[in-house]
PDB file of N, CA and C in Angstrom:
ATOM      1  N   LEU A   1      25.511 135.524  74.633  1.00  0.00           N
ATOM      2  CA  LEU A   1      25.085 136.298  73.468  1.00  0.00           C
ATOM      3  C   LEU A   1      24.926 135.406  72.247  1.00  0.00           C
ATOM      4  N   SER A   2      25.443 134.168  72.311  1.00  0.00           N
ATOM      5  CA  SER A   2      25.348 133.264  71.169  1.00  0.00           C
ATOM      6  C   SER A   2      23.902 132.814  70.945  1.00  0.00           C
ATOM      7  N   GLN A   3      23.075 132.883  71.982  1.00  0.00           N
ATOM      8  CA  GLN A   3      21.685 132.432  71.849  1.00  0.00           C
ATOM      9  C   GLN A   3      20.828 133.469  71.114  1.00  0.00           C
ATOM     10  N   VAL A   4      21.223 134.735  71.148  1.00  0.00           N
ATOM     11  CA  VAL A   4      20.405 135.791  70.554  1.00  0.00           C
ATOM     12  C   VAL A   4      21.073 136.326  69.289  1.00  0.00           C
ATOM     13  N   SER A   5      21.644 135.427  68.492  1.00  0.00           N
ATOM     14  CA  SER A   5      22.320 135.856  67.271  1.00  0.00           C
ATOM     15  C   SER A   5      21.319 136.392  66.249  1.00  0.00           C
ATOM     16  N   GLY A   6      20.050 136.014  66.384  1.00  0.00           N
ATOM     17  CA  GLY A   6      19.048 136.458  65.424  1.00  0.00           C
ATOM     18  C   GLY A   6      18.554 137.869  65.690  1.00  0.00           C
ATOM     19  N   VAL A   7      18.813 138.387  66.890  1.00  0.00           N
ATOM     20  CA  VAL A   7      18.338 139.730  67.228  1.00  0.00           C
ATOM     21  C   VAL A   7      19.459 140.739  66.997  1.00  0.00           C
ATOM     22  N   PRO A   8      19.174 141.832  66.289  1.00  0.00           N
ATOM     23  CA  PRO A   8      20.198 142.855  66.037  1.00  0.00           C
ATOM     24  C   PRO A   8      20.672 143.492  67.336  1.00  0.00           C
ATOM     25  N   ILE A   9      21.957 143.842  67.369  1.00  0.00           N
ATOM     26  CA  ILE A   9      22.543 144.409  68.585  1.00  0.00           C
ATOM     27  C   ILE A   9      21.995 145.807  68.867  1.00  0.00           C
ATOM     28  N   THR A  10      21.530 146.498  67.833  1.00  0.00           N
ATOM     29  CA  THR A  10      21.005 147.848  68.038  1.00  0.00           C
ATOM     30  C   THR A  10      19.770 147.816  68.926  1.00  0.00           C
ATOM     31  N   ARG A  11      19.014 146.724  68.835  1.00  0.00           N
ATOM     32  CA  ARG A  11      17.810 146.603  69.663  1.00  0.00           C
ATOM     33  C   ARG A  11      18.195 146.542  71.139  1.00  0.00           C
ATOM     34  N   TYR A  12      19.277 145.824  71.430  1.00  0.00           N
ATOM     35  CA  TYR A  12      19.723 145.727  72.824  1.00  0.00           C
ATOM     36  C   TYR A  12      20.291 147.061  73.302  1.00  0.00           C
ATOM     37  N   ILE A  13      20.963 147.769  72.398  1.00  0.00           N
ATOM     38  CA  ILE A  13      21.513 149.076  72.773  1.00  0.00           C
ATOM     39  C   ILE A  13      20.378 150.036  73.102  1.00  0.00           C
ATOM     40  N   MET A  14      19.342 150.054  72.272  1.00  0.00           N
ATOM     41  CA  MET A  14      18.200 150.932  72.524  1.00  0.00           C
ATOM     42  C   MET A  14      17.498 150.539  73.816  1.00  0.00           C
ATOM     43  N   MET A  15      17.346 149.230  74.040  1.00  0.00           N
ATOM     44  CA  MET A  15      16.678 148.768  75.252  1.00  0.00           C
ATOM     45  C   MET A  15      17.509 149.135  76.479  1.00  0.00           C
ATOM     46  N   PHE A  16      18.826 149.000  76.364  1.00  0.00           N
ATOM     47  CA  PHE A  16      19.699 149.340  77.491  1.00  0.00           C
ATOM     48  C   PHE A  16      19.615 150.830  77.800  1.00  0.00           C
ATOM     49  N   CYS A  17      19.608 151.658  76.756  1.00  0.00           N
ATOM     50  CA  CYS A  17      19.514 153.107  76.965  1.00  0.00           C
ATOM     51  C   CYS A  17      18.181 153.457  77.612  1.00  0.00           C
ATOM     52  N   TYR A  18      17.096 152.806  77.170  1.00  0.00           N
ATOM     53  CA  TYR A  18      15.770 153.084  77.717  1.00  0.00           C
ATOM     54  C   TYR A  18      15.703 152.697  79.186  1.00  0.00           C
ATOM     55  N   VAL A  19      16.203 151.519  79.512  1.00  0.00           N
ATOM     56  CA  VAL A  19      16.161 151.051  80.899  1.00  0.00           C
ATOM     57  C   VAL A  19      17.040 151.924  81.785  1.00  0.00           C
ATOM     58  N   SER A  20      18.234 152.250  81.307  1.00  0.00           N
ATOM     59  CA  SER A  20      19.144 153.068  82.119  1.00  0.00           C
ATOM     60  C   SER A  20      18.548 154.449  82.358  1.00  0.00           C
ATOM     61  N   THR A  21      17.848 154.996  81.348  1.00  0.00           N
ATOM     62  CA  THR A  21      17.219 156.302  81.530  1.00  0.00           C
ATOM     63  C   THR A  21      16.125 156.225  82.584  1.00  0.00           C
ATOM     64  N   LYS A  22      15.319 155.166  82.536  1.00  0.00           N
ATOM     65  CA  LYS A  22      14.249 154.998  83.525  1.00  0.00           C
ATOM     66  C   LYS A  22      14.828 154.854  84.926  1.00  0.00           C
ATOM     67  N   VAL A  23      15.910 154.090  85.044  1.00  0.00           N
ATOM     68  CA  VAL A  23      16.535 153.889  86.360  1.00  0.00           C
ATOM     69  C   VAL A  23      17.102 155.205  86.877  1.00  0.00           C
ATOM     70  N   LEU A  24      17.753 155.954  85.988  1.00  0.00           N
ATOM     71  CA  LEU A  24      18.325 157.233  86.411  1.00  0.00           C
ATOM     72  C   LEU A  24      17.222 158.187  86.840  1.00  0.00           C
ATOM     73  N   GLN A  25      16.103 158.203  86.124  1.00  0.00           N
ATOM     74  CA  GLN A  25      14.987 159.068  86.494  1.00  0.00           C
ATOM     75  C   GLN A  25      14.433 158.663  87.848  1.00  0.00           C
ATOM     76  N   THR A  26      14.276 157.362  88.070  1.00  0.00           N
ATOM     77  CA  THR A  26      13.731 156.884  89.339  1.00  0.00           C
ATOM     78  C   THR A  26      14.642 157.275  90.492  1.00  0.00           C
ATOM     79  N   TYR A  27      15.936 157.019  90.337  1.00  0.00           N
ATOM     80  CA  TYR A  27      16.880 157.370  91.397  1.00  0.00           C
ATOM     81  C   TYR A  27      16.953 158.884  91.570  1.00  0.00           C
ATOM     82  N   GLY A  28      16.842 159.616  90.466  1.00  0.00           N
ATOM     83  CA  GLY A  28      16.894 161.075  90.539  1.00  0.00           C
ATOM     84  C   GLY A  28      15.715 161.622  91.327  1.00  0.00           C
ATOM     85  N   TYR A  29      14.512 161.136  91.027  1.00  0.00           N
ATOM     86  CA  TYR A  29      13.324 161.590  91.749  1.00  0.00           C
ATOM     87  C   TYR A  29      13.393 161.186  93.216  1.00  0.00           C
ATOM     88  N   ALA A  30      13.872 159.973  93.490  1.00  0.00           N
ATOM     89  CA  ALA A  30      13.976 159.512  94.869  1.00  0.00           C
ATOM     90  C   ALA A  30      14.988 160.361  95.626  1.00  0.00           C
ATOM     91  N   PHE A  31      16.113 160.661  94.986  1.00  0.00           N
ATOM     92  CA  PHE A  31      17.141 161.468  95.640  1.00  0.00           C
ATOM     93  C   PHE A  31      16.625 162.881  95.896  1.00  0.00           C
ATOM     94  N   SER A  32      15.916 163.452  94.912  1.00  0.00           N
ATOM     95  CA  SER A  32      15.362 164.794  95.087  1.00  0.00           C
ATOM     96  C   SER A  32      14.314 164.792  96.188  1.00  0.00           C
ATOM     97  N   GLY A  33      13.493 163.743  96.221  1.00  0.00           N
ATOM     98  CA  GLY A  33      12.446 163.652  97.240  1.00  0.00           C
ATOM     99  C   GLY A  33      13.033 163.571  98.631  1.00  0.00           C
ATOM    100  N   THR A  34      14.057 162.743  98.812  1.00  0.00           N
ATOM    101  CA  THR A  34      14.665 162.605 100.133  1.00  0.00           C
ATOM    102  C   THR A  34      15.397 163.885 100.508  1.00  0.00           C
ATOM    103  N   ALA A  35      16.006 164.546  99.528  1.00  0.00           N
ATOM    104  CA  ALA A  35      16.736 165.777  99.814  1.00  0.00           C
ATOM    105  C   ALA A  35      15.757 166.878 100.232  1.00  0.00           C
ATOM    106  N   LEU A  36      14.595 166.908  99.580  1.00  0.00           N
ATOM    107  CA  LEU A  36      13.609 167.938  99.910  1.00  0.00           C
ATOM    108  C   LEU A  36      12.984 167.665 101.270  1.00  0.00           C
ATOM    109  N   THR A  37      12.738 166.400 101.579  1.00  0.00           N
ATOM    110  CA  THR A  37      12.088 166.072 102.847  1.00  0.00           C
ATOM    111  C   THR A  37      13.041 166.302 104.012  1.00  0.00           C
ATOM    112  N   THR A  38      14.336 166.048 103.800  1.00  0.00           N
ATOM    113  CA  THR A  38      15.298 166.238 104.881  1.00  0.00           C
ATOM    114  C   THR A  38      15.501 167.723 105.144  1.00  0.00           C
ATOM    115  N   GLU A  39      15.378 168.531 104.106  1.00  0.00           N
ATOM    116  CA  GLU A  39      15.518 169.966 104.302  1.00  0.00           C
ATOM    117  C   GLU A  39      14.199 170.537 104.804  1.00  0.00           C
TER     118      GLU A  39
END
């Protein structure tokens, strides 16, 4: 983290939230798709 001292931490928090939301959506859709196909 010492290399990115010039970048505000809020930017990383927002980026982390955005990425985690996308990952959760992807896994959610995949899980729903597999659950629907198995049923």
